[in-house]
Full PDB file with SEQRES, HELIX, SHEET, SSBOND, CRYST1, ORIGX, SCALE, CONECT and MASTER records, all heavy atoms in Angstrom:
SEQRES   1 A   41  VAL GLN ALA GLY GLY SER LEU ARG LEU SER CYS THR ALA          
SEQRES   2 A   41  SER GLY ARG THR LEU ASN ASN TYR VAL ILE SER TRP PHE          
SEQRES   3 A   41  ARG GLN ALA PRO GLY LYS GLY ARG GLU PHE VAL ALA GLY          
SEQRES   4 A   41  ILE TRP                                                      
SHEET    1 AA1 2 ILE A  23  ARG A  27  0                                        
SHEET    2 AA1 2 GLU A  35  ILE A  40 -1                                        
CRYST1    1.000    1.000    1.000  90.00  90.00  90.00 P 1           1          
ORIGX1      1.000000  0.000000  0.000000        0.00000                         
ORIGX2      0.000000  1.000000  0.000000        0.00000                         
ORIGX3      0.000000  0.000000  1.000000        0.00000                         
SCALE1      1.000000  0.000000  0.000000        0.00000                         
SCALE2      0.000000  1.000000  0.000000        0.00000                         
SCALE3      0.000000  0.000000  1.000000        0.00000                         
ATOM      1  N   VAL A   1     225.415  12.084  16.198  1.00  0.00           N  
ATOM      2  CA  VAL A   1     224.018  12.504  16.324  1.00  0.00           C  
ATOM      3  C   VAL A   1     223.132  11.267  16.271  1.00  0.00           C  
ATOM      4  O   VAL A   1     223.495  10.263  15.654  1.00  0.00           O  
ATOM      5  CB  VAL A   1     223.659  13.502  15.194  1.00  0.00           C  
ATOM      6  CG1 VAL A   1     223.761  12.844  13.819  1.00  0.00           C  
ATOM      7  CG2 VAL A   1     222.299  14.126  15.403  1.00  0.00           C  
ATOM      8  N   GLN A   2     221.980  11.354  16.909  1.00  0.00           N  
ATOM      9  CA  GLN A   2     221.030  10.247  16.862  1.00  0.00           C  
ATOM     10  C   GLN A   2     220.263  10.257  15.548  1.00  0.00           C  
ATOM     11  O   GLN A   2     220.083  11.311  14.920  1.00  0.00           O  
ATOM     12  CB  GLN A   2     220.050  10.345  18.025  1.00  0.00           C  
ATOM     13  CG  GLN A   2     220.653  10.018  19.371  1.00  0.00           C  
ATOM     14  CD  GLN A   2     219.623   9.948  20.467  1.00  0.00           C  
ATOM     15  OE1 GLN A   2     218.579  10.587  20.398  1.00  0.00           O  
ATOM     16  NE2 GLN A   2     219.903   9.155  21.491  1.00  0.00           N  
ATOM     17  N   ALA A   3     219.801   9.093  15.170  1.00  0.00           N  
ATOM     18  CA  ALA A   3     218.984   8.983  13.968  1.00  0.00           C  
ATOM     19  C   ALA A   3     217.779   9.925  14.076  1.00  0.00           C  
ATOM     20  O   ALA A   3     217.161  10.032  15.139  1.00  0.00           O  
ATOM     21  CB  ALA A   3     218.528   7.547  13.761  1.00  0.00           C  
ATOM     22  N   GLY A   4     217.490  10.603  12.980  1.00  0.00           N  
ATOM     23  CA  GLY A   4     216.422  11.584  12.959  1.00  0.00           C  
ATOM     24  C   GLY A   4     216.886  13.000  13.266  1.00  0.00           C  
ATOM     25  O   GLY A   4     216.129  13.957  13.072  1.00  0.00           O  
ATOM     26  N   GLY A   5     218.108  13.130  13.738  1.00  0.00           N  
ATOM     27  CA  GLY A   5     218.643  14.434  14.087  1.00  0.00           C  
ATOM     28  C   GLY A   5     219.242  15.161  12.903  1.00  0.00           C  
ATOM     29  O   GLY A   5     219.134  14.713  11.745  1.00  0.00           O  
ATOM     30  N   SER A   6     219.897  16.291  13.195  1.00  0.00           N  
ATOM     31  CA  SER A   6     220.458  17.160  12.158  1.00  0.00           C  
ATOM     32  C   SER A   6     221.891  17.541  12.485  1.00  0.00           C  
ATOM     33  O   SER A   6     222.292  17.584  13.657  1.00  0.00           O  
ATOM     34  CB  SER A   6     219.619  18.443  12.032  1.00  0.00           C  
ATOM     35  OG  SER A   6     218.286  18.167  11.668  1.00  0.00           O  
ATOM     36  N   LEU A   7     222.641  17.815  11.436  1.00  0.00           N  
ATOM     37  CA  LEU A   7     223.983  18.376  11.543  1.00  0.00           C  
ATOM     38  C   LEU A   7     224.181  19.343  10.396  1.00  0.00           C  
ATOM     39  O   LEU A   7     223.581  19.182   9.323  1.00  0.00           O  
ATOM     40  CB  LEU A   7     225.055  17.291  11.464  1.00  0.00           C  
ATOM     41  CG  LEU A   7     225.429  16.502  12.719  1.00  0.00           C  
ATOM     42  CD1 LEU A   7     226.445  15.431  12.365  1.00  0.00           C  
ATOM     43  CD2 LEU A   7     225.961  17.413  13.809  1.00  0.00           C  
ATOM     44  N   ARG A   8     225.059  20.302  10.611  1.00  0.00           N  
ATOM     45  CA  ARG A   8     225.406  21.253   9.551  1.00  0.00           C  
ATOM     46  C   ARG A   8     226.912  21.238   9.364  1.00  0.00           C  
ATOM     47  O   ARG A   8     227.658  21.549  10.294  1.00  0.00           O  
ATOM     48  CB  ARG A   8     224.929  22.662   9.899  1.00  0.00           C  
ATOM     49  CG  ARG A   8     225.148  23.692   8.798  1.00  0.00           C  
ATOM     50  CD  ARG A   8     224.572  25.030   9.219  1.00  0.00           C  
ATOM     51  NE  ARG A   8     224.728  26.061   8.217  1.00  0.00           N  
ATOM     52  CZ  ARG A   8     223.877  26.285   7.222  1.00  0.00           C  
ATOM     53  NH1 ARG A   8     222.807  25.523   7.106  1.00  0.00           N  
ATOM     54  NH2 ARG A   8     224.096  27.257   6.349  1.00  0.00           N  
ATOM     55  N   LEU A   9     227.341  20.869   8.179  1.00  0.00           N  
ATOM     56  CA  LEU A   9     228.755  20.862   7.829  1.00  0.00           C  
ATOM     57  C   LEU A   9     229.111  22.141   7.078  1.00  0.00           C  
ATOM     58  O   LEU A   9     228.291  22.676   6.329  1.00  0.00           O  
ATOM     59  CB  LEU A   9     229.092  19.659   6.947  1.00  0.00           C  
ATOM     60  CG  LEU A   9     228.706  18.276   7.478  1.00  0.00           C  
ATOM     61  CD1 LEU A   9     229.184  17.205   6.498  1.00  0.00           C  
ATOM     62  CD2 LEU A   9     229.262  18.047   8.860  1.00  0.00           C  
ATOM     63  N   SER A  10     230.332  22.594   7.281  1.00  0.00           N  
ATOM     64  CA  SER A  10     230.831  23.759   6.550  1.00  0.00           C  
ATOM     65  C   SER A  10     232.129  23.407   5.835  1.00  0.00           C  
ATOM     66  O   SER A  10     232.940  22.644   6.363  1.00  0.00           O  
ATOM     67  CB  SER A  10     231.082  24.935   7.492  1.00  0.00           C  
ATOM     68  OG  SER A  10     229.868  25.458   7.969  1.00  0.00           O  
ATOM     69  N   CYS A  11     232.295  23.993   4.673  1.00  0.00           N  
ATOM     70  CA  CYS A  11     233.521  23.866   3.892  1.00  0.00           C  
ATOM     71  C   CYS A  11     234.042  25.281   3.650  1.00  0.00           C  
ATOM     72  O   CYS A  11     233.406  26.063   2.937  1.00  0.00           O  
ATOM     73  CB  CYS A  11     233.229  23.161   2.577  1.00  0.00           C  
ATOM     74  SG  CYS A  11     234.635  23.061   1.449  1.00  0.00           S  
ATOM     75  N   THR A  12     235.180  25.586   4.230  1.00  0.00           N  
ATOM     76  CA  THR A  12     235.769  26.917   4.098  1.00  0.00           C  
ATOM     77  C   THR A  12     236.913  26.862   3.097  1.00  0.00           C  
ATOM     78  O   THR A  12     237.793  25.998   3.205  1.00  0.00           O  
ATOM     79  CB  THR A  12     236.269  27.423   5.450  1.00  0.00           C  
ATOM     80  OG1 THR A  12     235.166  27.456   6.360  1.00  0.00           O  
ATOM     81  CG2 THR A  12     236.844  28.825   5.315  1.00  0.00           C  
ATOM     82  N   ALA A  13     236.881  27.790   2.161  1.00  0.00           N  
ATOM     83  CA  ALA A  13     237.905  27.827   1.122  1.00  0.00           C  
ATOM     84  C   ALA A  13     238.861  28.985   1.349  1.00  0.00           C  
ATOM     85  O   ALA A  13     238.463  30.058   1.800  1.00  0.00           O  
ATOM     86  CB  ALA A  13     237.258  27.970  -0.252  1.00  0.00           C  
ATOM     87  N   SER A  14     240.113  28.761   1.009  1.00  0.00           N  
ATOM     88  CA  SER A  14     241.121  29.818   1.037  1.00  0.00           C  
ATOM     89  C   SER A  14     241.997  29.676  -0.191  1.00  0.00           C  
ATOM     90  O   SER A  14     242.023  28.638  -0.842  1.00  0.00           O  
ATOM     91  CB  SER A  14     241.960  29.756   2.304  1.00  0.00           C  
ATOM     92  OG  SER A  14     242.612  28.501   2.397  1.00  0.00           O  
ATOM     93  N   GLY A  15     242.695  30.733  -0.511  1.00  0.00           N  
ATOM     94  CA  GLY A  15     243.570  30.706  -1.672  1.00  0.00           C  
ATOM     95  C   GLY A  15     242.958  31.367  -2.887  1.00  0.00           C  
ATOM     96  O   GLY A  15     243.643  32.075  -3.612  1.00  0.00           O  
ATOM     97  N   ARG A  16     241.688  31.093  -3.131  1.00  0.00           N  
ATOM     98  CA  ARG A  16     240.964  31.698  -4.235  1.00  0.00           C  
ATOM     99  C   ARG A  16     239.494  31.809  -3.859  1.00  0.00           C  
ATOM    100  O   ARG A  16     239.005  31.052  -3.021  1.00  0.00           O  
ATOM    101  CB  ARG A  16     241.077  30.841  -5.505  1.00  0.00           C  
ATOM    102  CG  ARG A  16     242.439  30.830  -6.151  1.00  0.00           C  
ATOM    103  CD  ARG A  16     242.413  30.034  -7.448  1.00  0.00           C  
ATOM    104  NE  ARG A  16     243.709  30.004  -8.091  1.00  0.00           N  
ATOM    105  CZ  ARG A  16     243.983  29.305  -9.183  1.00  0.00           C  
ATOM    106  NH1 ARG A  16     243.041  28.580  -9.749  1.00  0.00           N  
ATOM    107  NH2 ARG A  16     245.174  29.324  -9.712  1.00  0.00           N  
ATOM    108  N   THR A  17     238.812  32.731  -4.515  1.00  0.00           N  
ATOM    109  CA  THR A  17     237.360  32.736  -4.365  1.00  0.00           C  
ATOM    110  C   THR A  17     236.800  31.556  -5.165  1.00  0.00           C  
ATOM    111  O   THR A  17     237.458  31.022  -6.060  1.00  0.00           O  
ATOM    112  CB  THR A  17     236.740  34.042  -4.872  1.00  0.00           C  
ATOM    113  OG1 THR A  17     236.975  34.135  -6.284  1.00  0.00           O  
ATOM    114  CG2 THR A  17     237.349  35.245  -4.175  1.00  0.00           C  
ATOM    115  N   LEU A  18     235.594  31.192  -4.832  1.00  0.00           N  
ATOM    116  CA  LEU A  18     235.002  29.994  -5.427  1.00  0.00           C  
ATOM    117  C   LEU A  18     234.117  30.300  -6.630  1.00  0.00           C  
ATOM    118  O   LEU A  18     233.419  29.412  -7.121  1.00  0.00           O  
ATOM    119  CB  LEU A  18     234.210  29.239  -4.360  1.00  0.00           C  
ATOM    120  CG  LEU A  18     235.059  28.706  -3.204  1.00  0.00           C  
ATOM    121  CD1 LEU A  18     234.164  28.066  -2.156  1.00  0.00           C  
ATOM    122  CD2 LEU A  18     236.099  27.720  -3.701  1.00  0.00           C  
ATOM    123  N   ASN A  19     234.179  31.527  -7.126  1.00  0.00           N  
ATOM    124  CA  ASN A  19     233.291  31.929  -8.224  1.00  0.00           C  
ATOM    125  C   ASN A  19     233.392  31.022  -9.439  1.00  0.00           C  
ATOM    126  O   ASN A  19     232.400  30.815 -10.137  1.00  0.00           O  
ATOM    127  CB  ASN A  19     233.611  33.357  -8.663  1.00  0.00           C  
ATOM    128  CG  ASN A  19     233.186  34.385  -7.650  1.00  0.00           C  
ATOM    129  OD1 ASN A  19     232.429  34.084  -6.732  1.00  0.00           O  
ATOM    130  ND2 ASN A  19     233.668  35.597  -7.801  1.00  0.00           N  
ATOM    131  N   ASN A  20     234.556  30.469  -9.693  1.00  0.00           N  
ATOM    132  CA  ASN A  20     234.766  29.709 -10.926  1.00  0.00           C  
ATOM    133  C   ASN A  20     234.786  28.203 -10.688  1.00  0.00           C  
ATOM    134  O   ASN A  20     235.332  27.458 -11.502  1.00  0.00           O  
ATOM    135  CB  ASN A  20     236.090  30.130 -11.575  1.00  0.00           C  
ATOM    136  CG  ASN A  20     236.076  31.591 -11.978  1.00  0.00           C  
ATOM    137  OD1 ASN A  20     235.062  32.078 -12.479  1.00  0.00           O  
ATOM    138  ND2 ASN A  20     237.170  32.294 -11.755  1.00  0.00           N  
ATOM    139  N   TYR A  21     234.167  27.764  -9.614  1.00  0.00           N  
ATOM    140  CA  TYR A  21     234.244  26.360  -9.266  1.00  0.00           C  
ATOM    141  C   TYR A  21     232.868  25.740  -9.007  1.00  0.00           C  
ATOM    142  O   TYR A  21     231.913  26.431  -8.661  1.00  0.00           O  
ATOM    143  CB  TYR A  21     235.109  26.161  -8.018  1.00  0.00           C  
ATOM    144  CG  TYR A  21     236.560  26.465  -8.251  1.00  0.00           C  
ATOM    145  CD1 TYR A  21     237.058  27.749  -8.052  1.00  0.00           C  
ATOM    146  CD2 TYR A  21     237.430  25.472  -8.690  1.00  0.00           C  
ATOM    147  CE1 TYR A  21     238.391  28.031  -8.279  1.00  0.00           C  
ATOM    148  CE2 TYR A  21     238.767  25.747  -8.912  1.00  0.00           C  
ATOM    149  CZ  TYR A  21     239.242  27.027  -8.703  1.00  0.00           C  
ATOM    150  OH  TYR A  21     240.551  27.288  -8.936  1.00  0.00           O  
ATOM    151  N   VAL A  22     232.840  24.433  -9.190  1.00  0.00           N  
ATOM    152  CA  VAL A  22     231.750  23.605  -8.672  1.00  0.00           C  
ATOM    153  C   VAL A  22     232.267  22.991  -7.376  1.00  0.00           C  
ATOM    154  O   VAL A  22     233.373  22.427  -7.348  1.00  0.00           O  
ATOM    155  CB  VAL A  22     231.361  22.504  -9.666  1.00  0.00           C  
ATOM    156  CG1 VAL A  22     230.365  21.539  -9.050  1.00  0.00           C  
ATOM    157  CG2 VAL A  22     230.800  23.115 -10.942  1.00  0.00           C  
ATOM    158  N   ILE A  23     231.492  23.131  -6.326  1.00  0.00           N  
ATOM    159  CA  ILE A  23     231.868  22.577  -5.027  1.00  0.00           C  
ATOM    160  C   ILE A  23     230.891  21.451  -4.694  1.00  0.00           C  
ATOM    161  O   ILE A  23     229.667  21.632  -4.790  1.00  0.00           O  
ATOM    162  CB  ILE A  23     231.776  23.640  -3.914  1.00  0.00           C  
ATOM    163  CG1 ILE A  23     232.493  24.916  -4.335  1.00  0.00           C  
ATOM    164  CG2 ILE A  23     232.350  23.097  -2.611  1.00  0.00           C  
ATOM    165  CD1 ILE A  23     233.946  24.751  -4.654  1.00  0.00           C  
ATOM    166  N   SER A  24     231.436  20.323  -4.319  1.00  0.00           N  
ATOM    167  CA  SER A  24     230.583  19.180  -3.992  1.00  0.00           C  
ATOM    168  C   SER A  24     230.982  18.563  -2.662  1.00  0.00           C  
ATOM    169  O   SER A  24     232.134  18.689  -2.227  1.00  0.00           O  
ATOM    170  CB  SER A  24     230.650  18.115  -5.087  1.00  0.00           C  
ATOM    171  OG  SER A  24     229.981  18.533  -6.247  1.00  0.00           O  
ATOM    172  N   TRP A  25     230.024  17.913  -2.082  1.00  0.00           N  
ATOM    173  CA  TRP A  25     230.270  17.080  -0.907  1.00  0.00           C  
ATOM    174  C   TRP A  25     230.235  15.610  -1.340  1.00  0.00           C  
ATOM    175  O   TRP A  25     229.331  15.195  -2.072  1.00  0.00           O  
ATOM    176  CB  TRP A  25     229.215  17.311   0.164  1.00  0.00           C  
ATOM    177  CG  TRP A  25     229.346  18.626   0.857  1.00  0.00           C  
ATOM    178  CD1 TRP A  25     228.736  19.804   0.549  1.00  0.00           C  
ATOM    179  CD2 TRP A  25     230.151  18.894   2.016  1.00  0.00           C  
ATOM    180  NE1 TRP A  25     229.102  20.783   1.426  1.00  0.00           N  
ATOM    181  CE2 TRP A  25     229.973  20.263   2.349  1.00  0.00           C  
ATOM    182  CE3 TRP A  25     231.001  18.132   2.827  1.00  0.00           C  
ATOM    183  CZ2 TRP A  25     230.614  20.866   3.432  1.00  0.00           C  
ATOM    184  CZ3 TRP A  25     231.628  18.726   3.902  1.00  0.00           C  
ATOM    185  CH2 TRP A  25     231.434  20.077   4.204  1.00  0.00           C  
ATOM    186  N   PHE A  26     231.227  14.879  -0.873  1.00  0.00           N  
ATOM    187  CA  PHE A  26     231.277  13.427  -1.043  1.00  0.00           C  
ATOM    188  C   PHE A  26     231.346  12.804   0.346  1.00  0.00           C  
ATOM    189  O   PHE A  26     231.647  13.476   1.330  1.00  0.00           O  
ATOM    190  CB  PHE A  26     232.529  13.018  -1.835  1.00  0.00           C  
ATOM    191  CG  PHE A  26     232.478  13.360  -3.297  1.00  0.00           C  
ATOM    192  CD1 PHE A  26     232.741  14.652  -3.741  1.00  0.00           C  
ATOM    193  CD2 PHE A  26     232.163  12.399  -4.244  1.00  0.00           C  
ATOM    194  CE1 PHE A  26     232.695  14.975  -5.094  1.00  0.00           C  
ATOM    195  CE2 PHE A  26     232.122  12.704  -5.600  1.00  0.00           C  
ATOM    196  CZ  PHE A  26     232.385  13.996  -6.020  1.00  0.00           C  
ATOM    197  N   ARG A  27     231.080  11.527   0.409  1.00  0.00           N  
ATOM    198  CA  ARG A  27     231.232  10.810   1.672  1.00  0.00           C  
ATOM    199  C   ARG A  27     231.806   9.427   1.406  1.00  0.00           C  
ATOM    200  O   ARG A  27     231.644   8.869   0.322  1.00  0.00           O  
ATOM    201  CB  ARG A  27     229.906  10.715   2.418  1.00  0.00           C  
ATOM    202  CG  ARG A  27     228.843   9.885   1.726  1.00  0.00           C  
ATOM    203  CD  ARG A  27     227.517  10.015   2.471  1.00  0.00           C  
ATOM    204  NE  ARG A  27     226.459   9.220   1.858  1.00  0.00           N  
ATOM    205  CZ  ARG A  27     225.186   9.263   2.246  1.00  0.00           C  
ATOM    206  NH1 ARG A  27     224.809  10.082   3.232  1.00  0.00           N  
ATOM    207  NH2 ARG A  27     224.289   8.501   1.635  1.00  0.00           N  
ATOM    208  N   GLN A  28     232.466   8.916   2.435  1.00  0.00           N  
ATOM    209  CA  GLN A  28     233.066   7.594   2.319  1.00  0.00           C  
ATOM    210  C   GLN A  28     232.857   6.831   3.618  1.00  0.00           C  
ATOM    211  O   GLN A  28     233.358   7.235   4.669  1.00  0.00           O  
ATOM    212  CB  GLN A  28     234.561   7.698   1.997  1.00  0.00           C  
ATOM    213  CG  GLN A  28     235.201   6.361   1.666  1.00  0.00           C  
ATOM    214  CD  GLN A  28     236.554   6.514   1.004  1.00  0.00           C  
ATOM    215  OE1 GLN A  28     237.184   7.583   1.062  1.00  0.00           O  
ATOM    216  NE2 GLN A  28     237.016   5.467   0.348  1.00  0.00           N  
ATOM    217  N   ALA A  29     232.087   5.761   3.533  1.00  0.00           N  
ATOM    218  CA  ALA A  29     231.852   4.879   4.672  1.00  0.00           C  
ATOM    219  C   ALA A  29     232.947   3.818   4.705  1.00  0.00           C  
ATOM    220  O   ALA A  29     233.583   3.542   3.674  1.00  0.00           O  
ATOM    221  CB  ALA A  29     230.485   4.235   4.559  1.00  0.00           C  
ATOM    222  N   PRO A  30     233.182   3.216   5.853  1.00  0.00           N  
ATOM    223  CA  PRO A  30     234.231   2.187   5.959  1.00  0.00           C  
ATOM    224  C   PRO A  30     234.019   1.068   4.950  1.00  0.00           C  
ATOM    225  O   PRO A  30     232.917   0.534   4.816  1.00  0.00           O  
ATOM    226  CB  PRO A  30     234.066   1.685   7.394  1.00  0.00           C  
ATOM    227  CG  PRO A  30     233.472   2.835   8.132  1.00  0.00           C  
ATOM    228  CD  PRO A  30     232.554   3.494   7.154  1.00  0.00           C  
ATOM    229  N   GLY A  31     235.088   0.751   4.215  1.00  0.00           N  
ATOM    230  CA  GLY A  31     235.037  -0.341   3.259  1.00  0.00           C  
ATOM    231  C   GLY A  31     234.335  -0.014   1.964  1.00  0.00           C  
ATOM    232  O   GLY A  31     234.151  -0.894   1.115  1.00  0.00           O  
ATOM    233  N   LYS A  32     233.950   1.254   1.772  1.00  0.00           N  
ATOM    234  CA  LYS A  32     233.236   1.637   0.550  1.00  0.00           C  
ATOM    235  C   LYS A  32     233.982   2.731  -0.186  1.00  0.00           C  
ATOM    236  O   LYS A  32     234.880   3.377   0.354  1.00  0.00           O  
ATOM    237  CB  LYS A  32     231.824   2.102   0.903  1.00  0.00           C  
ATOM    238  CG  LYS A  32     230.939   1.005   1.488  1.00  0.00           C  
ATOM    239  CD  LYS A  32     229.508   1.485   1.617  1.00  0.00           C  
ATOM    240  CE  LYS A  32     228.603   0.368   2.123  1.00  0.00           C  
ATOM    241  NZ  LYS A  32     227.190   0.819   2.250  1.00  0.00           N  
ATOM    242  N   GLY A  33     233.592   2.943  -1.424  1.00  0.00           N  
ATOM    243  CA  GLY A  33     234.189   4.006  -2.218  1.00  0.00           C  
ATOM    244  C   GLY A  33     233.619   5.365  -1.867  1.00  0.00           C  
ATOM    245  O   GLY A  33     232.680   5.485  -1.082  1.00  0.00           O  
ATOM    246  N   ARG A  34     234.203   6.397  -2.460  1.00  0.00           N  
ATOM    247  CA  ARG A  34     233.757   7.754  -2.203  1.00  0.00           C  
ATOM    248  C   ARG A  34     232.497   8.026  -3.021  1.00  0.00           C  
ATOM    249  O   ARG A  34     232.493   7.872  -4.237  1.00  0.00           O  
ATOM    250  CB  ARG A  34     234.876   8.728  -2.547  1.00  0.00           C  
ATOM    251  CG  ARG A  34     234.781  10.044  -1.827  1.00  0.00           C  
ATOM    252  CD  ARG A  34     236.101  10.787  -1.813  1.00  0.00           C  
ATOM    253  NE  ARG A  34     237.051  10.184  -0.878  1.00  0.00           N  
ATOM    254  CZ  ARG A  34     238.185  10.775  -0.505  1.00  0.00           C  
ATOM    255  NH1 ARG A  34     238.507  11.953  -1.004  1.00  0.00           N  
ATOM    256  NH2 ARG A  34     238.989  10.173   0.336  1.00  0.00           N  
ATOM    257  N   GLU A  35     231.455   8.479  -2.348  1.00  0.00           N  
ATOM    258  CA  GLU A  35     230.122   8.629  -2.933  1.00  0.00           C  
ATOM    259  C   GLU A  35     229.733  10.095  -2.995  1.00  0.00           C  
ATOM    260  O   GLU A  35     229.859  10.834  -2.002  1.00  0.00           O  
ATOM    261  CB  GLU A  35     229.115   7.859  -2.065  1.00  0.00           C  
ATOM    262  CG  GLU A  35     227.665   8.028  -2.457  1.00  0.00           C  
ATOM    263  CD  GLU A  35     226.709   7.490  -1.391  1.00  0.00           C  
ATOM    264  OE1 GLU A  35     227.101   7.417  -0.209  1.00  0.00           O  
ATOM    265  OE2 GLU A  35     225.558   7.174  -1.743  1.00  0.00           O  
ATOM    266  N   PHE A  36     229.217  10.524  -4.155  1.00  0.00           N  
ATOM    267  CA  PHE A  36     228.730  11.892  -4.312  1.00  0.00           C  
ATOM    268  C   PHE A  36     227.491  12.101  -3.446  1.00  0.00           C  
ATOM    269  O   PHE A  36     226.619  11.225  -3.365  1.00  0.00           O  
ATOM    270  CB  PHE A  36     228.389  12.154  -5.772  1.00  0.00           C  
ATOM    271  CG  PHE A  36     227.645  13.434  -6.002  1.00  0.00           C  
ATOM    272  CD1 PHE A  36     228.314  14.646  -6.039  1.00  0.00           C  
ATOM    273  CD2 PHE A  36     226.270  13.436  -6.153  1.00  0.00           C  
ATOM    274  CE1 PHE A  36     227.629  15.831  -6.234  1.00  0.00           C  
ATOM    275  CE2 PHE A  36     225.578  14.609  -6.357  1.00  0.00           C  
ATOM    276  CZ  PHE A  36     226.251  15.810  -6.392  1.00  0.00           C  
ATOM    277  N   VAL A  37     227.408  13.285  -2.822  1.00  0.00           N  
ATOM    278  CA  VAL A  37     226.261  13.632  -1.986  1.00  0.00           C  
ATOM    279  C   VAL A  37     225.484  14.817  -2.560  1.00  0.00           C  
ATOM    280  O   VAL A  37     224.282  14.726  -2.807  1.00  0.00           O  
ATOM    281  CB  VAL A  37     226.728  13.956  -0.548  1.00  0.00           C  
ATOM    282  CG1 VAL A  37     225.551  14.419   0.304  1.00  0.00           C  
ATOM    283  CG2 VAL A  37     227.416  12.760   0.087  1.00  0.00           C  
ATOM    284  N   ALA A  38     226.171  15.935  -2.765  1.00  0.00           N  
ATOM    285  CA  ALA A  38     225.504  17.147  -3.249  1.00  0.00           C  
ATOM    286  C   ALA A  38     226.541  18.079  -3.843  1.00  0.00           C  
ATOM    287  O   ALA A  38     227.703  18.049  -3.438  1.00  0.00           O  
ATOM    288  CB  ALA A  38     224.758  17.848  -2.120  1.00  0.00           C  
ATOM    289  N   GLY A  39     226.109  18.917  -4.796  1.00  0.00           N  
ATOM    290  CA  GLY A  39     227.023  19.853  -5.417  1.00  0.00           C  
ATOM    291  C   GLY A  39     226.364  21.177  -5.704  1.00  0.00           C  
ATOM    292  O   GLY A  39     225.122  21.279  -5.768  1.00  0.00           O  
ATOM    293  N   ILE A  40     227.183  22.205  -5.883  1.00  0.00           N  
ATOM    294  CA  ILE A  40     226.682  23.534  -6.204  1.00  0.00           C  
ATOM    295  C   ILE A  40     227.631  24.192  -7.196  1.00  0.00           C  
ATOM    296  O   ILE A  40     228.849  24.190  -7.003  1.00  0.00           O  
ATOM    297  CB  ILE A  40     226.508  24.398  -4.927  1.00  0.00           C  
ATOM    298  CG1 ILE A  40     225.902  25.752  -5.267  1.00  0.00           C  
ATOM    299  CG2 ILE A  40     227.827  24.559  -4.171  1.00  0.00           C  
ATOM    300  CD1 ILE A  40     225.397  26.507  -4.017  1.00  0.00           C  
ATOM    301  N   TRP A  41     227.046  24.704  -8.275  1.00  0.00           N  
ATOM    302  CA  TRP A  41     227.829  25.490  -9.237  1.00  0.00           C  
ATOM    303  C   TRP A  41     227.746  26.927  -8.743  1.00  0.00           C  
ATOM    304  O   TRP A  41     226.708  27.587  -8.887  1.00  0.00           O  
ATOM    305  CB  TRP A  41     227.264  25.310 -10.635  1.00  0.00           C  
ATOM    306  CG  TRP A  41     228.105  25.933 -11.711  1.00  0.00           C  
ATOM    307  CD1 TRP A  41     229.316  26.545 -11.585  1.00  0.00           C  
ATOM    308  CD2 TRP A  41     227.780  26.001 -13.099  1.00  0.00           C  
ATOM    309  NE1 TRP A  41     229.764  26.979 -12.791  1.00  0.00           N  
ATOM    310  CE2 TRP A  41     228.852  26.657 -13.764  1.00  0.00           C  
ATOM    311  CE3 TRP A  41     226.704  25.550 -13.873  1.00  0.00           C  
ATOM    312  CZ2 TRP A  41     228.861  26.877 -15.126  1.00  0.00           C  
ATOM    313  CZ3 TRP A  41     226.717  25.775 -15.231  1.00  0.00           C  
ATOM    314  CH2 TRP A  41     227.776  26.435 -15.843  1.00  0.00           C  
TER     315      TRP A  41                                                      
MASTER        0    0    0    0    2    0    0    6  314    1    0    4          
END                                                                             
């Protein structure tokens, strides 16, 4: 996407419902560590 644009990511879970979990998004750029982005309880 071009700078200024938008994207929507989805995370689909299977195996269990997510009622008892915190779900977070992390990201990792080349040569860098894994960085927290956002989370939801």
